[in-house]
Amino acid sequence: MKNFYLGFKFSFSYFSTVPINFKNSDDLSKKEVLASMLLFLPFVGFILGLGTVVLFSFLAHLEWYGAVISAVVYMMLYGFIHSEAVMDVTDAIYAAHSRKDAYEIIKEPTVGAMGVLYAVGFVLLKISGIVYLFTHNFLMEFVAISMVSRLSLLFLFRVHEFRSSFATQLKASLSNKYLISSFVIFSILGSLLTPYFIILLIQGLFFALLISIFIKNKIGFVNGDVLGATLEGVEILLFLVVALFMV
């Protein structure tokens, strides 16, 4: 039970900016802790998404302005880590085009001009999508997408081999029991939010697979940055799907 609880805390500590404290004696490298961390990853999306919706409920009288504030806060709640991944992956793709070592480029602490430009583009698309959903009252669909995007990452841990020691360690810890449990639990929760959850989930898994394979073909490997960039792409595409087909 302690490892389960540590995994719950570790998930919020790693994938969000929610302040979490650990004791020096807490061993976060245990397989059970890492498995629980992944199990609760969609729950992190649920809480961040729900918190953003609650914020917008207080700012709704500001209309689009309140929606923009809420959208930016959503990204702040996960520390822009997935937006940063877009920068790194873009730089790696352009490095590969120039016959440079994409892995060396993606690990560099600096970022190139193309990475910044693409990240700005992704941020604009994401903010625009959230604003559209909020101003058209697709609040629960937004929360559902926040869960789907993170469930899609669990799926990718089954699909890909990783050029990252930590991602490889996470993959090894994710047994079928934890994977199936996460999908069942959060599919039920998501279906309580919107009757379209399973449709969004299937689409999200499809988008995640396509995006991750596209990036892998470009740079030759998958790591945590590829997963983060994939999450951003999945959310943006699902926002578009809701806007196109659920109005």
Protein backbone atom coordinates (compact mmCIF):
# COMPACT_ATOMS: atom_id res chain seq x y z
CA MET A 1 0.00 0.00 0.00
CA LYS A 2 2.88 2.38 0.73
CA ASN A 3 4.35 1.82 -2.74
CA PHE A 4 0.90 2.44 -4.25
CA TYR A 5 0.64 5.73 -2.36
CA LEU A 6 4.18 6.75 -3.30
CA GLY A 7 3.36 6.07 -6.95
CA PHE A 8 0.29 8.28 -6.66
CA LYS A 9 2.38 11.12 -5.24
CA PHE A 10 5.20 10.55 -7.72
CA SER A 11 2.77 10.83 -10.64
CA PHE A 12 1.66 14.30 -9.55
CA SER A 13 5.20 15.31 -8.65
CA TYR A 14 6.61 14.30 -12.05
CA PHE A 15 3.76 15.23 -14.40
CA SER A 16 2.45 18.40 -12.77
CA THR A 17 3.56 21.41 -10.77
CA VAL A 18 1.45 20.40 -7.78
CA PRO A 19 3.83 20.71 -4.78
CA ILE A 20 4.59 17.22 -3.44
CA ASN A 21 7.07 16.34 -0.71
CA PHE A 22 8.89 13.06 -0.19
CA LYS A 23 10.93 11.71 2.69
CA ASN A 24 14.59 10.89 2.18
CA SER A 25 13.74 7.27 2.95
CA ASP A 26 11.16 7.02 0.14
CA ASP A 27 12.44 4.71 -2.62
CA LEU A 28 10.86 5.88 -5.87
CA SER A 29 12.79 3.45 -8.05
CA LYS A 30 10.80 0.38 -6.98
CA LYS A 31 8.88 -1.35 -9.75
CA GLU A 32 5.59 -1.12 -7.84
CA VAL A 33 6.05 2.62 -7.30
CA LEU A 34 6.75 3.26 -10.99
CA ALA A 35 3.82 1.07 -12.04
CA SER A 36 1.49 3.00 -9.72
CA MET A 37 2.92 6.24 -11.07
CA LEU A 38 1.81 5.27 -14.57
CA LEU A 39 -1.50 3.91 -13.31
CA PHE A 40 -2.39 7.36 -11.95
CA LEU A 41 -1.10 9.34 -14.95
CA PRO A 42 -4.63 9.71 -16.44
CA PHE A 43 -5.84 10.82 -13.00
CA VAL A 44 -3.30 13.65 -13.14
CA GLY A 45 -4.94 14.70 -16.41
CA PHE A 46 -8.37 14.48 -14.80
CA ILE A 47 -7.37 16.68 -11.86
CA LEU A 48 -5.55 19.26 -13.98
CA GLY A 49 -8.43 19.36 -16.46
CA LEU A 50 -11.07 19.60 -13.75
CA GLY A 51 -9.12 22.31 -11.92
CA THR A 52 -8.95 24.30 -15.16
CA VAL A 53 -12.71 23.95 -15.66
CA VAL A 54 -13.34 25.11 -12.09
CA LEU A 55 -11.14 28.15 -12.72
CA PHE A 56 -13.05 28.95 -15.89
CA SER A 57 -16.35 28.69 -14.02
CA PHE A 58 -15.20 31.69 -11.95
CA LEU A 59 -13.99 33.56 -15.05
CA ALA A 60 -16.80 32.64 -17.45
CA HIS A 61 -18.28 36.14 -17.29
CA LEU A 62 -15.09 37.33 -19.03
CA GLU A 63 -15.96 35.04 -21.97
CA TRP A 64 -12.96 34.44 -24.30
CA TYR A 65 -10.57 36.32 -22.01
CA GLY A 66 -11.42 34.03 -19.10
CA ALA A 67 -10.98 31.03 -21.41
CA VAL A 68 -7.51 32.21 -22.48
CA ILE A 69 -6.45 32.64 -18.85
CA SER A 70 -7.74 29.16 -18.02
CA ALA A 71 -5.97 27.62 -21.02
CA VAL A 72 -2.63 29.14 -20.02
CA VAL A 73 -3.10 28.03 -16.43
CA TYR A 74 -3.75 24.47 -17.66
CA MET A 75 -0.33 24.45 -19.31
CA MET A 76 1.25 26.00 -16.24
CA LEU A 77 -0.21 23.20 -14.13
CA TYR A 78 1.92 20.68 -16.03
CA GLY A 79 4.86 23.06 -16.13
CA PHE A 80 4.91 23.37 -19.93
CA ILE A 81 6.93 20.14 -19.96
CA HIS A 82 5.09 18.84 -23.02
CA SER A 83 5.52 22.16 -24.83
CA GLU A 84 9.23 21.96 -24.09
CA ALA A 85 9.22 18.47 -25.59
CA VAL A 86 7.85 19.93 -28.83
CA MET A 87 10.90 22.22 -28.97
CA ASP A 88 13.35 19.38 -28.43
CA VAL A 89 11.68 17.05 -30.92
CA THR A 90 11.51 19.77 -33.59
CA ASP A 91 15.21 20.50 -33.18
CA ALA A 92 15.96 16.77 -33.43
CA ILE A 93 13.92 16.43 -36.63
CA TYR A 94 15.72 19.33 -38.27
CA ALA A 95 19.06 17.96 -37.06
CA ALA A 96 18.26 14.62 -38.67
CA HIS A 97 17.44 16.42 -41.92
CA SER A 98 20.93 17.96 -41.77
CA ARG A 99 22.50 14.53 -41.09
CA LYS A 100 23.43 15.48 -37.53
CA ASP A 101 23.03 13.21 -34.51
CA ALA A 102 19.38 13.76 -33.54
CA TYR A 103 19.88 12.16 -30.12
CA GLU A 104 22.71 14.53 -29.21
CA ILE A 105 20.62 17.50 -30.30
CA ILE A 106 17.54 16.42 -28.37
CA LYS A 107 19.58 16.08 -25.17
CA GLU A 108 21.15 19.53 -25.42
CA PRO A 109 19.88 22.05 -22.82
CA THR A 110 19.66 24.79 -25.45
CA VAL A 111 16.95 25.10 -28.09
CA GLY A 112 17.11 26.27 -31.70
CA ALA A 113 15.00 28.83 -33.53
CA MET A 114 12.84 26.22 -35.28
CA GLY A 115 12.07 24.55 -31.96
CA VAL A 116 10.87 27.86 -30.52
CA LEU A 117 8.76 28.66 -33.57
CA TYR A 118 7.07 25.26 -33.61
CA ALA A 119 6.45 25.40 -29.86
CA VAL A 120 4.81 28.83 -30.23
CA GLY A 121 2.64 27.41 -33.00
CA PHE A 122 1.60 24.46 -30.85
CA VAL A 123 0.85 26.72 -27.87
CA LEU A 124 -1.33 28.97 -30.06
CA LEU A 125 -3.21 25.96 -31.44
CA LYS A 126 -3.70 24.55 -27.97
CA ILE A 127 -4.91 27.79 -26.43
CA SER A 128 -7.24 28.36 -29.38
CA GLY A 129 -8.67 24.86 -29.04
CA ILE A 130 -9.30 25.20 -25.32
CA VAL A 131 -10.87 28.64 -25.77
CA TYR A 132 -13.21 27.26 -28.43
CA LEU A 133 -14.24 24.32 -26.24
CA PHE A 134 -14.81 26.48 -23.20
CA THR A 135 -16.77 29.19 -24.99
CA HIS A 136 -18.98 26.50 -26.59
CA ASN A 137 -19.56 24.72 -23.27
CA PHE A 138 -17.53 21.57 -24.04
CA LEU A 139 -16.10 21.57 -20.54
CA MET A 140 -16.38 17.86 -19.76
CA GLU A 141 -15.04 17.00 -23.20
CA PHE A 142 -11.95 19.01 -22.31
CA VAL A 143 -11.48 17.05 -19.07
CA ALA A 144 -12.01 13.80 -20.98
CA ILE A 145 -9.34 14.77 -23.52
CA SER A 146 -6.93 15.57 -20.69
CA MET A 147 -7.37 11.96 -19.58
CA VAL A 148 -7.31 10.42 -23.06
CA SER A 149 -4.00 12.08 -23.97
CA ARG A 150 -2.35 10.51 -20.95
CA LEU A 151 -3.95 7.12 -21.47
CA SER A 152 -2.47 7.21 -24.95
CA LEU A 153 1.01 7.46 -23.43
CA LEU A 154 0.41 4.25 -21.47
CA PHE A 155 -0.51 2.62 -24.77
CA LEU A 156 2.75 3.84 -26.32
CA PHE A 157 4.76 2.21 -23.55
CA ARG A 158 3.48 -1.08 -24.93
CA VAL A 159 4.18 -0.17 -28.56
CA HIS A 160 7.69 1.29 -28.53
CA GLU A 161 11.17 0.52 -27.29
CA PHE A 162 12.87 3.55 -25.78
CA ARG A 163 16.25 5.20 -26.01
CA SER A 164 15.93 6.43 -22.46
CA SER A 165 16.86 4.58 -19.29
CA PHE A 166 13.98 6.05 -17.30
CA ALA A 167 11.38 5.41 -20.00
CA THR A 168 12.71 1.86 -20.37
CA GLN A 169 12.41 1.41 -16.61
CA LEU A 170 8.83 2.66 -16.72
CA LYS A 171 8.01 0.32 -19.59
CA ALA A 172 9.37 -2.65 -17.64
CA SER A 173 7.28 -1.73 -14.60
CA LEU A 174 3.99 -1.42 -16.51
CA SER A 175 2.51 -4.89 -16.22
CA ASN A 176 -0.72 -5.90 -17.94
CA LYS A 177 -2.51 -5.67 -14.60
CA TYR A 178 -1.67 -2.00 -14.15
CA LEU A 179 -2.24 -1.14 -17.81
CA ILE A 180 -5.67 -2.78 -18.01
CA SER A 181 -6.68 -1.40 -14.61
CA SER A 182 -5.85 2.14 -15.69
CA PHE A 183 -7.81 1.85 -18.94
CA VAL A 184 -10.84 0.29 -17.22
CA ILE A 185 -10.95 2.72 -14.28
CA PHE A 186 -10.52 5.86 -16.32
CA SER A 187 -12.73 4.73 -19.17
CA ILE A 188 -15.52 4.37 -16.62
CA LEU A 189 -14.73 7.77 -15.12
CA GLY A 190 -14.49 9.35 -18.56
CA SER A 191 -17.80 7.85 -19.65
CA LEU A 192 -19.43 9.53 -16.66
CA LEU A 193 -18.12 12.85 -17.97
CA THR A 194 -19.22 12.45 -21.58
CA PRO A 195 -20.94 9.68 -23.56
CA TYR A 196 -18.34 10.20 -26.30
CA PHE A 197 -15.38 9.17 -24.14
CA ILE A 198 -14.72 5.78 -25.77
CA ILE A 199 -14.85 7.41 -29.22
CA LEU A 200 -12.37 10.06 -28.08
CA LEU A 201 -10.18 7.34 -26.54
CA ILE A 202 -10.03 5.30 -29.74
CA GLN A 203 -9.23 8.40 -31.76
CA GLY A 204 -6.62 9.48 -29.22
CA LEU A 205 -4.84 6.12 -29.35
CA PHE A 206 -4.87 6.27 -33.16
CA PHE A 207 -3.46 9.80 -33.22
CA ALA A 208 -0.80 8.89 -30.64
CA LEU A 209 0.33 5.92 -32.69
CA LEU A 210 0.54 7.93 -35.91
CA ILE A 211 2.36 10.88 -34.33
CA SER A 212 4.88 8.75 -32.44
CA ILE A 213 5.64 6.57 -35.48
CA PHE A 214 6.04 9.69 -37.64
CA ILE A 215 8.54 11.19 -35.18
CA LYS A 216 10.37 7.88 -34.76
CA ASN A 217 10.76 7.57 -38.54
CA LYS A 218 12.21 11.08 -38.63
CA ILE A 219 14.72 10.85 -35.77
CA GLY A 220 15.19 7.09 -35.37
CA PHE A 221 14.19 6.63 -31.73
CA VAL A 222 11.55 7.27 -29.07
CA ASN A 223 12.21 8.87 -25.68
CA GLY A 224 10.37 10.98 -23.13
CA ASP A 225 10.44 14.06 -25.35
CA VAL A 226 8.73 12.15 -28.13
CA LEU A 227 6.01 11.08 -25.68
CA GLY A 228 5.53 14.67 -24.50
CA ALA A 229 5.30 16.02 -28.04
CA THR A 230 2.85 13.24 -28.90
CA LEU A 231 0.64 14.20 -25.96
CA GLU A 232 0.52 17.79 -27.20
CA GLY A 233 -0.41 16.62 -30.70
CA VAL A 234 -3.13 14.29 -29.42
CA GLU A 235 -4.78 17.02 -27.35
CA ILE A 236 -4.69 19.56 -30.18
CA LEU A 237 -6.16 17.07 -32.67
CA LEU A 238 -8.90 15.96 -30.26
CA PHE A 239 -9.83 19.60 -29.58
CA LEU A 240 -10.22 19.95 -33.34
CA VAL A 241 -12.31 16.76 -33.57
CA VAL A 242 -14.72 18.06 -30.92
CA ALA A 243 -14.93 21.45 -32.63
CA LEU A 244 -15.61 19.90 -36.04
CA PHE A 245 -18.05 17.13 -35.19
CA MET A 246 -19.74 17.89 -31.87
CA VAL A 247 -21.05 21.39 -32.46
